[in-house]
């Protein structure tokens, strides 16, 4: 497209692509820690600390991104699109941090297979985002591939919904039969946070799709 060609000739300040990719790397690192935590691999305190540290690193990146948006005369995308994408990405790692905080608060370690699978999906989705972000550097060339990747993210979110419902049903049946109301309440809280991670991934997919539609 003529507009995309013209954009490449314009001088720019602020490497938004690098900021996106740096934030994506923090999402992946947090997702690896969350997946290990759910599967009982390693020290849970280390995993929770890792998620918290990566969330703080991601906060630094979003602050820098917002600063660059204010200072940059010519950006590769509309300023609103930049802040919407980095905001959606930040929601992903914020939800991972919320899940980790709930796990720490309730001293939760009884991750059932559905929870473990959701954590694994979160890691898969994180890797998809990390694959997609460098492709934003050339939307014309990568538009079709990006659309395929965002479709995968939406599909994974649908799988999480099914796992959430199946897991909650099992916990409800156990609580109803054995009177373990507290266990049900805690499991419901953990599931809530895990599902919100998937919802945030879908928001990232929608933001990337919007860029593809506008610029590819």
Protein backbone atom coordinates (compact mmCIF):
# COMPACT_ATOMS: atom_id res chain seq x y z
CA UNK A 1 0.00 0.00 0.00
CA UNK A 2 1.18 3.53 -0.78
CA UNK A 3 0.69 4.65 2.83
CA UNK A 4 2.86 1.84 4.19
CA UNK A 5 5.58 2.65 1.64
CA UNK A 6 5.46 6.33 2.60
CA UNK A 7 5.63 5.51 6.32
CA UNK A 8 8.90 3.64 5.83
CA UNK A 9 10.49 6.77 4.39
CA UNK A 10 9.54 8.96 7.31
CA UNK A 11 12.04 9.68 10.10
CA UNK A 12 11.06 8.15 13.41
CA UNK A 13 12.19 8.39 17.00
CA UNK A 14 11.52 5.70 19.54
CA UNK A 15 11.78 2.04 18.67
CA UNK A 16 8.28 0.85 19.48
CA UNK A 17 8.97 -2.52 17.90
CA UNK A 18 11.80 -3.13 20.34
CA UNK A 19 9.56 -2.13 23.23
CA UNK A 20 6.79 -4.48 22.07
CA UNK A 21 9.24 -7.35 21.73
CA UNK A 22 10.84 -6.64 25.10
CA UNK A 23 7.44 -6.70 26.76
CA UNK A 24 6.63 -9.94 24.92
CA UNK A 25 9.80 -11.54 26.29
CA UNK A 26 8.67 -10.71 29.82
CA UNK A 27 5.28 -12.30 29.13
CA UNK A 28 6.98 -15.51 27.99
CA UNK A 29 9.27 -15.59 31.04
CA UNK A 30 6.31 -15.11 33.38
CA UNK A 31 4.32 -17.80 31.55
CA UNK A 32 7.19 -20.28 31.87
CA UNK A 33 7.26 -19.64 35.62
CA UNK A 34 3.47 -19.98 35.89
CA UNK A 35 3.47 -23.24 33.94
CA UNK A 36 6.20 -24.66 36.20
CA UNK A 37 4.30 -23.49 39.27
CA UNK A 38 1.10 -25.23 38.15
CA UNK A 39 2.99 -28.46 37.43
CA UNK A 40 4.84 -28.45 40.75
CA UNK A 41 8.23 -28.02 39.14
CA UNK A 42 10.87 -26.28 41.23
CA UNK A 43 10.45 -23.95 44.19
CA UNK A 44 7.03 -22.24 44.08
CA UNK A 45 8.39 -19.19 45.89
CA UNK A 46 10.99 -18.71 43.15
CA UNK A 47 8.34 -19.07 40.45
CA UNK A 48 6.08 -16.50 42.12
CA UNK A 49 9.01 -14.11 42.56
CA UNK A 50 9.92 -14.55 38.90
CA UNK A 51 6.41 -13.67 37.78
CA UNK A 52 6.41 -10.62 40.04
CA UNK A 53 9.82 -9.47 38.77
CA UNK A 54 8.85 -9.88 35.13
CA UNK A 55 5.64 -7.93 35.77
CA UNK A 56 7.71 -5.09 37.23
CA UNK A 57 10.02 -5.18 34.18
CA UNK A 58 6.96 -5.04 31.92
CA UNK A 59 5.69 -2.01 33.86
CA UNK A 60 8.98 -0.24 33.13
CA UNK A 61 8.53 -0.97 29.43
CA UNK A 62 4.97 0.32 29.30
CA UNK A 63 6.03 3.53 31.06
CA UNK A 64 8.79 3.99 28.50
CA UNK A 65 6.35 3.26 25.67
CA UNK A 66 3.88 5.87 26.88
CA UNK A 67 6.72 8.38 27.21
CA UNK A 68 7.87 7.65 23.66
CA UNK A 69 4.32 8.03 22.35
CA UNK A 70 4.20 11.53 23.82
CA UNK A 71 7.64 12.47 22.49
CA UNK A 72 7.60 10.86 19.03
CA UNK A 73 6.51 13.05 16.14
CA UNK A 74 6.06 10.24 13.64
CA UNK A 75 5.22 6.76 14.92
CA UNK A 76 4.88 3.54 12.86
CA UNK A 77 1.21 3.26 13.84
CA UNK A 78 -1.50 5.50 15.17
CA UNK A 79 -0.69 6.49 18.76
CA UNK A 80 -3.94 5.00 19.98
CA UNK A 81 -3.06 1.68 18.35
CA UNK A 82 0.34 1.66 20.06
CA UNK A 83 -1.07 2.34 23.51
CA UNK A 84 -3.92 -0.13 23.00
CA UNK A 85 -1.58 -2.95 22.01
CA UNK A 86 0.96 -2.40 24.77
CA UNK A 87 -1.93 -1.97 27.23
CA UNK A 88 -3.47 -5.29 26.19
CA UNK A 89 -0.08 -6.97 26.54
CA UNK A 90 0.34 -5.45 29.98
CA UNK A 91 -3.04 -6.85 31.00
CA UNK A 92 -1.71 -10.34 30.17
CA UNK A 93 1.22 -10.15 32.55
CA UNK A 94 -0.85 -8.29 35.16
CA UNK A 95 -3.30 -11.21 35.17
CA UNK A 96 -0.40 -13.66 35.55
CA UNK A 97 0.76 -11.62 38.52
CA UNK A 98 -2.76 -11.66 39.98
CA UNK A 99 -2.91 -15.44 39.60
CA UNK A 100 0.48 -15.81 41.28
CA UNK A 101 -0.61 -13.53 44.15
CA UNK A 102 -3.76 -15.59 44.70
CA UNK A 103 -1.72 -18.80 44.68
CA UNK A 104 0.62 -17.30 47.26
CA UNK A 105 -2.18 -15.86 49.40
CA UNK A 106 -4.10 -19.14 49.63
CA UNK A 107 -0.92 -21.27 49.80
CA UNK A 108 -2.42 -23.19 46.91
CA UNK A 109 -0.63 -26.22 45.51
CA UNK A 110 -3.43 -28.63 44.56
CA UNK A 111 -3.40 -27.81 40.84
CA UNK A 112 -5.75 -30.19 39.05
CA UNK A 113 -5.12 -31.36 35.46
CA UNK A 114 -7.45 -28.69 34.02
CA UNK A 115 -5.52 -25.92 35.78
CA UNK A 116 -2.25 -27.38 34.57
CA UNK A 117 -3.54 -27.50 31.02
CA UNK A 118 -4.68 -23.88 31.20
CA UNK A 119 -1.22 -22.84 32.42
CA UNK A 120 0.28 -24.77 29.50
CA UNK A 121 -2.06 -22.97 27.11
CA UNK A 122 -0.98 -19.65 28.61
CA UNK A 123 2.60 -20.56 27.79
CA UNK A 124 1.67 -21.58 24.24
CA UNK A 125 -0.22 -18.32 23.76
CA UNK A 126 2.74 -16.35 25.12
CA UNK A 127 5.03 -17.97 22.58
CA UNK A 128 2.56 -17.16 19.79
CA UNK A 129 2.58 -13.51 20.83
CA UNK A 130 6.38 -13.52 20.96
CA UNK A 131 6.39 -14.94 17.42
CA UNK A 132 3.89 -12.37 16.19
CA UNK A 133 5.44 -9.18 17.58
CA UNK A 134 8.56 -9.03 15.33
CA UNK A 135 6.25 -9.43 12.32
CA UNK A 136 4.73 -6.03 13.08
CA UNK A 137 7.87 -4.55 11.54
CA UNK A 138 6.48 -5.43 8.11
CA UNK A 139 2.71 -5.74 8.21
CA UNK A 140 2.34 -5.85 4.44
CA UNK A 141 4.57 -8.90 4.18
CA UNK A 142 3.35 -10.65 7.33
CA UNK A 143 -0.34 -9.78 7.41
CA UNK A 144 -1.56 -13.24 6.43
CA UNK A 145 0.68 -15.02 8.93
CA UNK A 146 -0.30 -12.60 11.69
CA UNK A 147 -3.98 -13.22 11.01
CA UNK A 148 -3.35 -16.96 11.33
CA UNK A 149 -1.53 -16.49 14.65
CA UNK A 150 -4.26 -14.31 16.11
CA UNK A 151 -6.77 -16.96 15.09
CA UNK A 152 -4.76 -19.49 17.08
CA UNK A 153 -4.88 -17.21 20.13
CA UNK A 154 -8.65 -16.89 19.90
CA UNK A 155 -8.95 -20.67 19.55
CA UNK A 156 -6.81 -21.21 22.66
CA UNK A 157 -9.02 -18.83 24.63
CA UNK A 158 -12.00 -20.97 23.69
CA UNK A 159 -10.24 -24.07 24.96
CA UNK A 160 -9.55 -22.35 28.27
CA UNK A 161 -13.26 -21.58 28.66
CA UNK A 162 -14.07 -25.27 28.28
CA UNK A 163 -11.34 -26.32 30.71
CA UNK A 164 -12.50 -23.73 33.23
CA UNK A 165 -16.08 -24.98 33.11
CA UNK A 166 -15.07 -28.65 33.34
CA UNK A 167 -12.71 -28.02 36.23
CA UNK A 168 -15.23 -25.96 38.18
CA UNK A 169 -17.87 -28.62 37.70
CA UNK A 170 -15.56 -31.26 39.16
CA UNK A 171 -14.72 -29.08 42.16
CA UNK A 172 -18.39 -28.35 42.72
CA UNK A 173 -19.30 -32.02 42.67
CA UNK A 174 -16.56 -32.80 45.20
CA UNK A 175 -17.63 -29.95 47.46
CA UNK A 176 -21.27 -30.97 47.25
CA UNK A 177 -20.46 -34.56 48.09
CA UNK A 178 -17.86 -33.99 50.79
CA UNK A 179 -18.68 -30.60 52.23
CA UNK A 180 -15.33 -29.08 51.23
CA UNK A 181 -16.75 -25.61 50.68
CA UNK A 182 -13.49 -23.77 51.36
CA UNK A 183 -11.61 -25.88 48.82
CA UNK A 184 -14.26 -25.02 46.23
CA UNK A 185 -14.03 -21.29 46.98
CA UNK A 186 -10.24 -21.27 46.67
CA UNK A 187 -10.29 -23.33 43.46
CA UNK A 188 -12.89 -20.95 42.02
CA UNK A 189 -10.60 -18.00 42.76
CA UNK A 190 -7.61 -19.66 41.07
CA UNK A 191 -9.71 -20.59 38.04
CA UNK A 192 -10.99 -17.02 37.80
CA UNK A 193 -7.49 -15.64 37.48
CA UNK A 194 -6.36 -18.31 35.03
CA UNK A 195 -9.35 -17.59 32.80
CA UNK A 196 -8.62 -13.87 32.88
CA UNK A 197 -5.15 -14.54 31.49
CA UNK A 198 -6.75 -16.19 28.48
CA UNK A 199 -9.21 -13.31 28.07
CA UNK A 200 -6.26 -10.91 28.00
CA UNK A 201 -4.55 -12.98 25.30
CA UNK A 202 -7.65 -12.66 23.15
CA UNK A 203 -7.54 -8.88 23.59
CA UNK A 204 -3.94 -8.87 22.32
CA UNK A 205 -5.06 -10.90 19.30
CA UNK A 206 -7.77 -8.36 18.56
CA UNK A 207 -5.32 -5.45 18.77
CA UNK A 208 -2.89 -7.15 16.38
CA UNK A 209 -5.72 -7.95 13.99
CA UNK A 210 -6.73 -4.28 14.02
CA UNK A 211 -3.19 -3.30 13.00
CA UNK A 212 -3.25 -5.84 10.18
CA UNK A 213 -6.58 -4.52 8.92
CA UNK A 214 -5.42 -0.89 9.06
CA UNK A 215 -1.90 -1.26 7.66
CA UNK A 216 -1.40 -4.54 5.78
